[in-house]
């Protein structure tokens, strides 16, 4: 579902998408609230990358390890804007949504890229190998 969404949005903006999911995410991995919040945060991260960074490519990494779901959404900075980016409403909303479900949210900006990370605890039945 997320891959299809990201591909459609990237294709329509002529942005290259790199998708890396370590293992297939099991059905029923998330509670309804977790899925809802992660879904909104993921969509917002795509919107931010497409709308505010002048990116030419987006990379998405998702995996399960040590009882946590991890997502990293990274985009290159197509314009010299690293110094002008700031935490706006979208980043604040993503952080609130991920923290509401007991997760951790952070982002990094450097001269080449903008990276958003989610780390969400899962119950032990979905722990990665």
C-alpha atoms as a PDB file:
ATOM      1  CA  UNK A   1       0.000   0.000   0.000  1.00  0.00           C
ATOM      2  CA  UNK A   2       2.696   2.539   0.986  1.00  0.00           C
ATOM      3  CA  UNK A   3       4.908   1.552  -1.924  1.00  0.00           C
ATOM      4  CA  UNK A   4       2.056   2.068  -4.408  1.00  0.00           C
ATOM      5  CA  UNK A   5       1.254   5.462  -2.886  1.00  0.00           C
ATOM      6  CA  UNK A   6       4.897   6.571  -2.936  1.00  0.00           C
ATOM      7  CA  UNK A   7       5.412   5.327  -6.495  1.00  0.00           C
ATOM      8  CA  UNK A   8       2.336   7.164  -7.800  1.00  0.00           C
ATOM      9  CA  UNK A   9       3.318  10.408  -6.119  1.00  0.00           C
ATOM     10  CA  UNK A  10       6.952  10.181  -7.202  1.00  0.00           C
ATOM     11  CA  UNK A  11       6.080   9.188 -10.767  1.00  0.00           C
ATOM     12  CA  UNK A  12       3.673  12.109 -11.121  1.00  0.00           C
ATOM     13  CA  UNK A  13       6.403  14.490  -9.911  1.00  0.00           C
ATOM     14  CA  UNK A  14       9.099  12.794 -12.028  1.00  0.00           C
ATOM     15  CA  UNK A  15      11.045  11.873  -8.895  1.00  0.00           C
ATOM     16  CA  UNK A  16      13.055   8.652  -8.621  1.00  0.00           C
ATOM     17  CA  UNK A  17      11.897   6.299  -5.840  1.00  0.00           C
ATOM     18  CA  UNK A  18      14.204   3.798  -4.108  1.00  0.00           C
ATOM     19  CA  UNK A  19      12.191   1.323  -2.031  1.00  0.00           C
ATOM     20  CA  UNK A  20      13.847  -1.050   0.453  1.00  0.00           C
ATOM     21  CA  UNK A  21      11.817  -3.226   2.755  1.00  0.00           C
ATOM     22  CA  UNK A  22      14.014  -5.820   4.502  1.00  0.00           C
ATOM     23  CA  UNK A  23      11.260  -8.434   4.747  1.00  0.00           C
ATOM     24  CA  UNK A  24       7.627  -8.391   3.761  1.00  0.00           C
ATOM     25  CA  UNK A  25       5.733  -6.648   6.538  1.00  0.00           C
ATOM     26  CA  UNK A  26       3.286  -9.163   8.037  1.00  0.00           C
ATOM     27  CA  UNK A  27      -0.450  -8.594   7.748  1.00  0.00           C
ATOM     28  CA  UNK A  28      -1.827  -7.332  11.068  1.00  0.00           C
ATOM     29  CA  UNK A  29       1.541  -5.941  12.102  1.00  0.00           C
ATOM     30  CA  UNK A  30       0.064  -2.783  13.592  1.00  0.00           C
ATOM     31  CA  UNK A  31      -2.871  -1.946  15.789  1.00  0.00           C
ATOM     32  CA  UNK A  32      -5.478   0.231  14.089  1.00  0.00           C
ATOM     33  CA  UNK A  33      -4.155   3.322  15.882  1.00  0.00           C
ATOM     34  CA  UNK A  34      -0.544   2.528  14.984  1.00  0.00           C
ATOM     35  CA  UNK A  35      -1.424   2.033  11.326  1.00  0.00           C
ATOM     36  CA  UNK A  36      -3.478   5.226  11.210  1.00  0.00           C
ATOM     37  CA  UNK A  37      -0.724   7.345  12.766  1.00  0.00           C
ATOM     38  CA  UNK A  38       2.137   5.778  10.788  1.00  0.00           C
ATOM     39  CA  UNK A  39       0.141   6.130   7.566  1.00  0.00           C
ATOM     40  CA  UNK A  40      -0.481   9.849   8.141  1.00  0.00           C
ATOM     41  CA  UNK A  41       3.139  10.446   9.130  1.00  0.00           C
ATOM     42  CA  UNK A  42       4.395   8.570   6.066  1.00  0.00           C
ATOM     43  CA  UNK A  43       2.122  10.572   3.751  1.00  0.00           C
ATOM     44  CA  UNK A  44       3.266  13.817   5.379  1.00  0.00           C
ATOM     45  CA  UNK A  45       6.924  12.862   4.937  1.00  0.00           C
ATOM     46  CA  UNK A  46       6.321  12.310   1.216  1.00  0.00           C
ATOM     47  CA  UNK A  47       4.472  15.607   0.925  1.00  0.00           C
ATOM     48  CA  UNK A  48       7.311  17.472   2.650  1.00  0.00           C
ATOM     49  CA  UNK A  49       9.922  15.888   0.389  1.00  0.00           C
ATOM     50  CA  UNK A  50       7.976  16.591  -2.783  1.00  0.00           C
ATOM     51  CA  UNK A  51       6.789  20.077  -1.882  1.00  0.00           C
ATOM     52  CA  UNK A  52       9.614  21.732   0.046  1.00  0.00           C
ATOM     53  CA  UNK A  53      12.988  20.284  -0.930  1.00  0.00           C
ATOM     54  CA  UNK A  54      13.364  20.317  -4.701  1.00  0.00           C
ATOM     55  CA  UNK A  55      14.348  16.656  -4.499  1.00  0.00           C
ATOM     56  CA  UNK A  56      15.145  14.450  -7.475  1.00  0.00           C
ATOM     57  CA  UNK A  57      14.946  11.205  -5.514  1.00  0.00           C
ATOM     58  CA  UNK A  58      13.364   9.706  -2.415  1.00  0.00           C
ATOM     59  CA  UNK A  59      14.538   6.589  -0.599  1.00  0.00           C
ATOM     60  CA  UNK A  60      12.301   4.606   1.752  1.00  0.00           C
ATOM     61  CA  UNK A  61      13.613   1.950   4.101  1.00  0.00           C
ATOM     62  CA  UNK A  62      11.320  -0.086   6.343  1.00  0.00           C
ATOM     63  CA  UNK A  63      12.181  -3.012   8.555  1.00  0.00           C
ATOM     64  CA  UNK A  64      11.368  -4.826  11.779  1.00  0.00           C
ATOM     65  CA  UNK A  65      14.140  -5.423  14.284  1.00  0.00           C
ATOM     66  CA  UNK A  66      14.326  -6.081  18.005  1.00  0.00           C
ATOM     67  CA  UNK A  67      10.575  -5.593  18.458  1.00  0.00           C
ATOM     68  CA  UNK A  68      10.407  -2.294  16.594  1.00  0.00           C
ATOM     69  CA  UNK A  69       9.119  -1.154  13.229  1.00  0.00           C
ATOM     70  CA  UNK A  70      11.527   1.315  11.682  1.00  0.00           C
ATOM     71  CA  UNK A  71      10.940   3.620   8.737  1.00  0.00           C
ATOM     72  CA  UNK A  72      13.403   6.009   7.178  1.00  0.00           C
ATOM     73  CA  UNK A  73      12.345   8.429   4.458  1.00  0.00           C
ATOM     74  CA  UNK A  74      15.288  10.209   2.903  1.00  0.00           C
ATOM     75  CA  UNK A  75      15.453  12.696   0.081  1.00  0.00           C
ATOM     76  CA  UNK A  76      18.255  14.614  -1.505  1.00  0.00           C
ATOM     77  CA  UNK A  77      18.069  18.381  -1.402  1.00  0.00           C
ATOM     78  CA  UNK A  78      17.653  19.576  -4.959  1.00  0.00           C
ATOM     79  CA  UNK A  79      18.111  23.208  -4.015  1.00  0.00           C
ATOM     80  CA  UNK A  80      20.522  24.876  -1.665  1.00  0.00           C
ATOM     81  CA  UNK A  81      17.944  25.085   1.090  1.00  0.00           C
ATOM     82  CA  UNK A  82      19.440  23.190   4.007  1.00  0.00           C
ATOM     83  CA  UNK A  83      19.952  26.427   5.924  1.00  0.00           C
ATOM     84  CA  UNK A  84      16.375  27.591   5.326  1.00  0.00           C
ATOM     85  CA  UNK A  85      14.542  24.380   6.329  1.00  0.00           C
ATOM     86  CA  UNK A  86      12.908  24.475   9.717  1.00  0.00           C
ATOM     87  CA  UNK A  87      10.510  22.395  11.792  1.00  0.00           C
ATOM     88  CA  UNK A  88       7.085  23.410  10.592  1.00  0.00           C
ATOM     89  CA  UNK A  89       3.589  22.154  11.216  1.00  0.00           C
ATOM     90  CA  UNK A  90       4.095  18.964   9.172  1.00  0.00           C
ATOM     91  CA  UNK A  91       7.135  17.815  11.143  1.00  0.00           C
ATOM     92  CA  UNK A  92       5.424  18.681  14.410  1.00  0.00           C
ATOM     93  CA  UNK A  93       2.346  16.666  13.397  1.00  0.00           C
ATOM     94  CA  UNK A  94       4.482  13.663  12.412  1.00  0.00           C
ATOM     95  CA  UNK A  95       6.302  13.773  15.729  1.00  0.00           C
ATOM     96  CA  UNK A  96       3.029  14.002  17.686  1.00  0.00           C
ATOM     97  CA  UNK A  97       1.494  11.087  15.788  1.00  0.00           C
ATOM     98  CA  UNK A  98       4.487   8.806  16.249  1.00  0.00           C
ATOM     99  CA  UNK A  99       4.918   9.697  19.932  1.00  0.00           C
ATOM    100  CA  UNK A 100       1.182   9.148  20.534  1.00  0.00           C
ATOM    101  CA  UNK A 101       1.687   5.453  19.701  1.00  0.00           C
ATOM    102  CA  UNK A 102       4.764   5.147  21.928  1.00  0.00           C
ATOM    103  CA  UNK A 103       7.268   5.641  19.138  1.00  0.00           C
ATOM    104  CA  UNK A 104      10.234   7.864  18.547  1.00  0.00           C
ATOM    105  CA  UNK A 105      10.521  10.426  15.769  1.00  0.00           C
ATOM    106  CA  UNK A 106      13.501  12.385  14.575  1.00  0.00           C
ATOM    107  CA  UNK A 107      14.782  14.118  11.512  1.00  0.00           C
ATOM    108  CA  UNK A 108      18.148  15.282  10.270  1.00  0.00           C
ATOM    109  CA  UNK A 109      19.091  17.914   7.757  1.00  0.00           C
ATOM    110  CA  UNK A 110      22.513  18.134   6.215  1.00  0.00           C
ATOM    111  CA  UNK A 111      23.866  19.775   3.070  1.00  0.00           C
ATOM    112  CA  UNK A 112      22.853  16.828   0.866  1.00  0.00           C
ATOM    113  CA  UNK A 113      19.710  15.328   2.363  1.00  0.00           C
ATOM    114  CA  UNK A 114      16.696  15.477   4.611  1.00  0.00           C
ATOM    115  CA  UNK A 115      15.979  12.312   6.609  1.00  0.00           C
ATOM    116  CA  UNK A 116      12.887  11.424   8.656  1.00  0.00           C
ATOM    117  CA  UNK A 117      12.947   8.410  11.009  1.00  0.00           C
ATOM    118  CA  UNK A 118      10.112   6.619  12.828  1.00  0.00           C
ATOM    119  CA  UNK A 119      10.704   3.899  15.406  1.00  0.00           C
ATOM    120  CA  UNK A 120       7.529   2.253  16.710  1.00  0.00           C
ATOM    121  CA  UNK A 121       7.412  -0.552  19.308  1.00  0.00           C
ATOM    122  CA  UNK A 122       5.543  -3.715  18.335  1.00  0.00           C
ATOM    123  CA  UNK A 123       4.265  -6.571  20.416  1.00  0.00           C
ATOM    124  CA  UNK A 124       6.686  -9.506  20.536  1.00  0.00           C
ATOM    125  CA  UNK A 125       4.738 -11.651  18.042  1.00  0.00           C
ATOM    126  CA  UNK A 126       6.143  -9.624  15.126  1.00  0.00           C
ATOM    127  CA  UNK A 127       9.773  -9.365  16.155  1.00  0.00           C
ATOM    128  CA  UNK A 128      12.223  -9.622  13.283  1.00  0.00           C
ATOM    129  CA  UNK A 129      14.847 -12.347  13.109  1.00  0.00           C
END
